C-alpha atoms as a PDB file:
ATOM      1  CA  MET A   1      79.961 210.858  88.876  1.00  0.00           C
ATOM      2  CA  LYS A   2      81.548 213.551  91.090  1.00  0.00           C
ATOM      3  CA  PHE A   3      79.001 216.375  90.323  1.00  0.00           C
ATOM      4  CA  PHE A   4      76.671 213.361  91.912  1.00  0.00           C
ATOM      5  CA  LYS A   5      78.041 212.756  94.670  1.00  0.00           C
ATOM      6  CA  LEU A   6      78.569 216.734  94.651  1.00  0.00           C
ATOM      7  CA  THR A   7      74.821 217.458  94.265  1.00  0.00           C
ATOM      8  CA  ILE A   8      73.778 214.590  97.103  1.00  0.00           C
ATOM      9  CA  VAL A   9      76.054 216.617  99.559  1.00  0.00           C
ATOM     10  CA  VAL A  10      74.412 219.699  99.006  1.00  0.00           C
ATOM     11  CA  LEU A  11      70.847 218.222  99.233  1.00  0.00           C
ATOM     12  CA  LEU A  12      71.811 216.799 102.898  1.00  0.00           C
ATOM     13  CA  SER A  13      73.645 220.112 104.071  1.00  0.00           C
ATOM     14  CA  THR A  14      70.949 221.962 103.095  1.00  0.00           C
ATOM     15  CA  LEU A  15      68.139 219.414 104.437  1.00  0.00           C
ATOM     16  CA  PHE A  16      70.383 218.993 108.234  1.00  0.00           C
ATOM     17  CA  VAL A  17      70.126 222.853 108.137  1.00  0.00           C
ATOM     18  CA  THR A  18      66.750 223.513 107.345  1.00  0.00           C
ATOM     19  CA  SER A  19      65.295 220.677 109.647  1.00  0.00           C
ATOM     20  CA  CYS A  20      67.841 221.897 112.376  1.00  0.00           C
ATOM     21  CA  SER A  21      66.312 225.388 112.730  1.00  0.00           C
ATOM     22  CA  LYS A  22      63.117 224.291 112.658  1.00  0.00           C
ATOM     23  CA  GLY A  23      62.940 223.811 116.397  1.00  0.00           C
ATOM     24  CA  GLU A  24      64.330 226.939 117.678  1.00  0.00           C
ATOM     25  CA  ARG A  25      61.594 229.052 119.445  1.00  0.00           C
ATOM     26  CA  ILE A  26      61.309 232.778 118.277  1.00  0.00           C
ATOM     27  CA  ILE A  27      61.309 235.871 120.227  1.00  0.00           C
ATOM     28  CA  ASP A  28      58.745 238.161 119.772  1.00  0.00           C
ATOM     29  CA  PRO A  29      60.648 241.341 119.378  1.00  0.00           C
ATOM     30  CA  GLU A  30      57.632 243.475 121.153  1.00  0.00           C
ATOM     31  CA  PRO A  31      58.517 245.930 123.594  1.00  0.00           C
ATOM     32  CA  GLN A  32      58.563 245.018 127.486  1.00  0.00           C
ATOM     33  CA  ARG A  33      54.799 246.530 128.643  1.00  0.00           C
ATOM     34  CA  SER A  34      54.761 248.808 131.807  1.00  0.00           C
ATOM     35  CA  VAL A  35      52.412 247.759 134.640  1.00  0.00           C
ATOM     36  CA  GLY A  36      52.114 250.991 136.301  1.00  0.00           C
ATOM     37  CA  GLY A  37      50.423 251.399 139.709  1.00  0.00           C
ATOM     38  CA  THR A  38      51.520 247.964 140.931  1.00  0.00           C
ATOM     39  CA  LEU A  39      51.390 246.153 144.309  1.00  0.00           C
ATOM     40  CA  THR A  40      53.422 242.927 144.602  1.00  0.00           C
ATOM     41  CA  ILE A  41      52.859 240.749 146.763  1.00  0.00           C
ATOM     42  CA  GLY A  42      53.432 236.619 147.505  1.00  0.00           C
ATOM     43  CA  ALA A  43      50.489 234.417 147.460  1.00  0.00           C
ATOM     44  CA  GLN A  44      49.237 231.142 147.834  1.00  0.00           C
ATOM     45  CA  LEU A  45      48.623 230.161 144.297  1.00  0.00           C
ATOM     46  CA  HIS A  46      46.055 227.496 145.200  1.00  0.00           C
ATOM     47  CA  ARG A  47      42.681 227.416 146.689  1.00  0.00           C
ATOM     48  CA  LYS A  48      40.793 227.927 149.949  1.00  0.00           C
ATOM     49  CA  THR A  49      37.867 225.438 148.982  1.00  0.00           C
ATOM     50  CA  GLU A  50      37.450 222.178 150.747  1.00  0.00           C
ATOM     51  CA  GLU A  51      34.667 220.773 147.711  1.00  0.00           C
ATOM     52  CA  ARG A  52      35.504 222.578 144.342  1.00  0.00           C
ATOM     53  CA  PRO A  53      31.829 222.902 143.152  1.00  0.00           C
ATOM     54  CA  ARG A  54      32.935 221.374 139.552  1.00  0.00           C
ATOM     55  CA  ASP A  55      34.203 218.578 140.923  1.00  0.00           C
ATOM     56  CA  HIS A  56      33.623 218.243 144.822  1.00  0.00           C
ATOM     57  CA  LYS A  57      37.801 218.409 145.081  1.00  0.00           C
ATOM     58  CA  ASN A  58      39.192 218.991 148.440  1.00  0.00           C
ATOM     59  CA  CYS A  59      42.117 222.334 147.430  1.00  0.00           C
ATOM     60  CA  GLY A  60      42.680 222.585 151.410  1.00  0.00           C
ATOM     61  CA  CYS A  61      45.202 225.732 150.478  1.00  0.00           C
ATOM     62  CA  ASN A  62      47.620 222.607 148.825  1.00  0.00           C
ATOM     63  CA  LEU A  63      45.782 222.345 145.116  1.00  0.00           C
ATOM     64  CA  CYS A  64      43.536 223.803 142.610  1.00  0.00           C
ATOM     65  CA  PHE A  65      44.196 226.956 140.674  1.00  0.00           C
ATOM     66  CA  GLY A  66      43.561 230.277 142.537  1.00  0.00           C
ATOM     67  CA  VAL A  67      44.054 232.281 145.675  1.00  0.00           C
ATOM     68  CA  CYS A  68      44.559 231.385 149.222  1.00  0.00           C
ATOM     69  CA  ASP A  69      46.113 233.862 150.651  1.00  0.00           C
ATOM     70  CA  PHE A  70      48.360 237.192 150.493  1.00  0.00           C
ATOM     71  CA  TYR A  71      51.113 237.945 152.427  1.00  0.00           C
ATOM     72  CA  VAL A  72      53.748 240.717 152.473  1.00  0.00           C
ATOM     73  CA  GLU A  73      56.929 240.441 150.239  1.00  0.00           C
ATOM     74  CA  VAL A  74      58.894 243.088 150.658  1.00  0.00           C
ATOM     75  CA  ASP A  75      61.815 241.907 147.768  1.00  0.00           C
ATOM     76  CA  ILE A  76      59.609 242.450 144.041  1.00  0.00           C
ATOM     77  CA  THR A  77      61.897 239.807 142.581  1.00  0.00           C
ATOM     78  CA  LEU A  78      60.732 237.321 145.087  1.00  0.00           C
ATOM     79  CA  SER A  79      56.648 238.125 144.915  1.00  0.00           C
ATOM     80  CA  ASN A  80      54.764 235.615 142.748  1.00  0.00           C
ATOM     81  CA  VAL A  81      51.888 238.384 142.076  1.00  0.00           C
ATOM     82  CA  ALA A  82      51.441 241.599 140.828  1.00  0.00           C
ATOM     83  CA  ILE A  83      47.825 243.635 140.831  1.00  0.00           C
ATOM     84  CA  ASN A  84      47.536 246.314 138.669  1.00  0.00           C
ATOM     85  CA  THR A  85      45.926 249.014 140.829  1.00  0.00           C
ATOM     86  CA  ASN A  86      44.934 251.599 138.247  1.00  0.00           C
ATOM     87  CA  THR A  87      41.257 251.286 137.339  1.00  0.00           C
ATOM     88  CA  GLY A  88      39.090 253.154 138.579  1.00  0.00           C
ATOM     89  CA  SER A  89      36.324 250.194 137.411  1.00  0.00           C
ATOM     90  CA  GLY A  90      35.948 248.120 140.009  1.00  0.00           C
ATOM     91  CA  THR A  91      38.342 244.823 138.275  1.00  0.00           C
ATOM     92  CA  SER A  92      41.948 244.718 138.692  1.00  0.00           C
ATOM     93  CA  THR A  93      45.046 242.363 137.108  1.00  0.00           C
ATOM     94  CA  LEU A  94      46.847 240.040 138.727  1.00  0.00           C
ATOM     95  CA  TYR A  95      50.034 238.812 137.133  1.00  0.00           C
ATOM     96  CA  ILE A  96      51.206 235.470 138.040  1.00  0.00           C
ATOM     97  CA  LEU A  97      54.659 235.757 138.349  1.00  0.00           C
ATOM     98  CA  GLU A  98      55.786 232.050 138.963  1.00  0.00           C
ATOM     99  CA  ASP A  99      55.008 229.633 136.393  1.00  0.00           C
ATOM    100  CA  ALA A 100      52.635 227.310 138.421  1.00  0.00           C
ATOM    101  CA  SER A 101      52.012 223.760 137.416  1.00  0.00           C
ATOM    102  CA  GLN A 102      48.599 223.740 138.983  1.00  0.00           C
ATOM    103  CA  ALA A 103      47.550 226.426 136.149  1.00  0.00           C
ATOM    104  CA  GLU A 104      44.186 225.954 134.436  1.00  0.00           C
ATOM    105  CA  LEU A 105      41.596 228.129 132.559  1.00  0.00           C
ATOM    106  CA  GLU A 106      39.657 228.297 136.150  1.00  0.00           C
ATOM    107  CA  PHE A 107      41.147 230.836 138.660  1.00  0.00           C
ATOM    108  CA  GLY A 108      39.221 230.883 142.328  1.00  0.00           C
ATOM    109  CA  VAL A 109      39.271 233.315 144.952  1.00  0.00           C
ATOM    110  CA  ASP A 110      36.932 231.729 147.573  1.00  0.00           C
ATOM    111  CA  GLU A 111      36.524 234.328 150.110  1.00  0.00           C
ATOM    112  CA  ASP A 112      37.202 237.943 149.993  1.00  0.00           C
ATOM    113  CA  MET A 113      41.045 238.222 150.384  1.00  0.00           C
ATOM    114  CA  PRO A 114      42.359 241.694 151.507  1.00  0.00           C
ATOM    115  CA  ILE A 115      46.054 242.672 150.751  1.00  0.00           C
ATOM    116  CA  PRO A 116      47.862 242.765 153.529  1.00  0.00           C
ATOM    117  CA  GLY A 117      48.209 246.621 155.020  1.00  0.00           C
ATOM    118  CA  GLY A 118      51.815 246.212 154.508  1.00  0.00           C
ATOM    119  CA  ALA A 119      51.763 245.799 151.323  1.00  0.00           C
ATOM    120  CA  LEU A 120      49.702 248.994 150.639  1.00  0.00           C
ATOM    121  CA  TYR A 121      51.733 251.307 152.456  1.00  0.00           C
ATOM    122  CA  GLY A 122      53.069 254.083 149.976  1.00  0.00           C
ATOM    123  CA  THR A 123      49.827 252.925 147.403  1.00  0.00           C
ATOM    124  CA  GLY A 124      47.328 255.826 149.150  1.00  0.00           C
ATOM    125  CA  PHE A 125      45.049 252.375 149.429  1.00  0.00           C
ATOM    126  CA  LYS A 126      43.803 251.941 153.020  1.00  0.00           C
ATOM    127  CA  THR A 127      42.292 248.750 151.679  1.00  0.00           C
ATOM    128  CA  PHE A 128      42.327 246.596 149.066  1.00  0.00           C
ATOM    129  CA  ILE A 129      40.726 243.321 148.635  1.00  0.00           C
ATOM    130  CA  VAL A 130      40.211 240.652 145.875  1.00  0.00           C
ATOM    131  CA  LYS A 131      36.657 239.812 145.576  1.00  0.00           C
ATOM    132  CA  LYS A 132      35.140 235.904 145.610  1.00  0.00           C
ATOM    133  CA  GLY A 133      34.435 234.811 142.624  1.00  0.00           C
ATOM    134  CA  LEU A 134      35.542 232.493 139.831  1.00  0.00           C
ATOM    135  CA  TYR A 135      37.945 234.368 137.216  1.00  0.00           C
ATOM    136  CA  ASN A 136      39.072 233.009 133.765  1.00  0.00           C
ATOM    137  CA  TYR A 137      42.742 232.577 133.747  1.00  0.00           C
ATOM    138  CA  VAL A 138      44.953 233.712 130.608  1.00  0.00           C
ATOM    139  CA  ALA A 139      48.473 231.539 129.895  1.00  0.00           C
ATOM    140  CA  HIS A 140      50.308 234.527 128.293  1.00  0.00           C
ATOM    141  CA  VAL A 141      53.794 234.700 128.724  1.00  0.00           C
ATOM    142  CA  GLU A 142      55.030 238.085 128.346  1.00  0.00           C
ATOM    143  CA  GLN A 143      57.945 240.653 129.917  1.00  0.00           C
ATOM    144  CA  ILE A 144      56.567 243.022 131.887  1.00  0.00           C
ATOM    145  CA  ASN A 145      57.897 246.631 133.575  1.00  0.00           C
ATOM    146  CA  ILE A 146      56.628 247.036 137.476  1.00  0.00           C
ATOM    147  CA  ASN A 147      58.072 250.185 138.662  1.00  0.00           C
ATOM    148  CA  GLY A 148      61.356 249.778 136.829  1.00  0.00           C
ATOM    149  CA  THR A 149      61.870 246.315 137.541  1.00  0.00           C
ATOM    150  CA  SER A 150      61.305 243.482 134.485  1.00  0.00           C
ATOM    151  CA  ARG A 151      59.781 240.221 135.724  1.00  0.00           C
ATOM    152  CA  THR A 152      57.705 237.202 133.273  1.00  0.00           C
ATOM    153  CA  SER A 153      54.793 237.355 133.587  1.00  0.00           C
ATOM    154  CA  TYR A 154      52.870 233.670 133.203  1.00  0.00           C
ATOM    155  CA  GLY A 155      49.236 234.535 132.546  1.00  0.00           C
ATOM    156  CA  TYR A 156      46.923 236.873 134.747  1.00  0.00           C
ATOM    157  CA  VAL A 157      43.695 237.303 135.655  1.00  0.00           C
ATOM    158  CA  VAL A 158      41.081 240.159 135.645  1.00  0.00           C
ATOM    159  CA  VAL A 159      39.606 239.911 139.161  1.00  0.00           C
ATOM    160  CA  ASP A 160      36.684 242.179 140.730  1.00  0.00           C
ATOM    161  CA  THR A 161      37.949 244.581 143.602  1.00  0.00           C
ATOM    162  CA  GLU A 162      37.018 246.680 146.427  1.00  0.00           C
ATOM    163  CA  TYR A 163      39.148 249.286 147.884  1.00  0.00           C
ATOM    164  CA  THR A 164      39.169 252.426 150.191  1.00  0.00           C
ATOM    165  CA  GLU A 165      41.770 255.403 149.554  1.00  0.00           C
END
């Protein structure tokens, strides 16, 4: 009888230990990816349109997912967008540095969006414009290294860009 009780205690302990470990989040040991040639700026991450084509929703810079406006953010830890400018191919990657609750697969830029001149200081660019269009948002949480500062990227969008140096 003692052996039977001991067996039940061991089985229950094993069940408890394995069931508790199932809910743990496993962190990927992959090292941080370094994102060089990067502008860090602030952005209003909503769409400007008053009638979104697919459902006629009035986004009005308060709803939907995209870029309504860029602004200069001098503190890299407060910026919510990083733009990798090392492309040369007419496209750039926008990294979203905040957990945007309105995120969806469609990322809209309703008009050409120039990056403010103050954000371009020291980059070698005279102008840098994110072009109007509908783009695909990729939700992918990862740690990235932006010019020596570690930040969490919640996803990214490859957008068309135009610039002058």
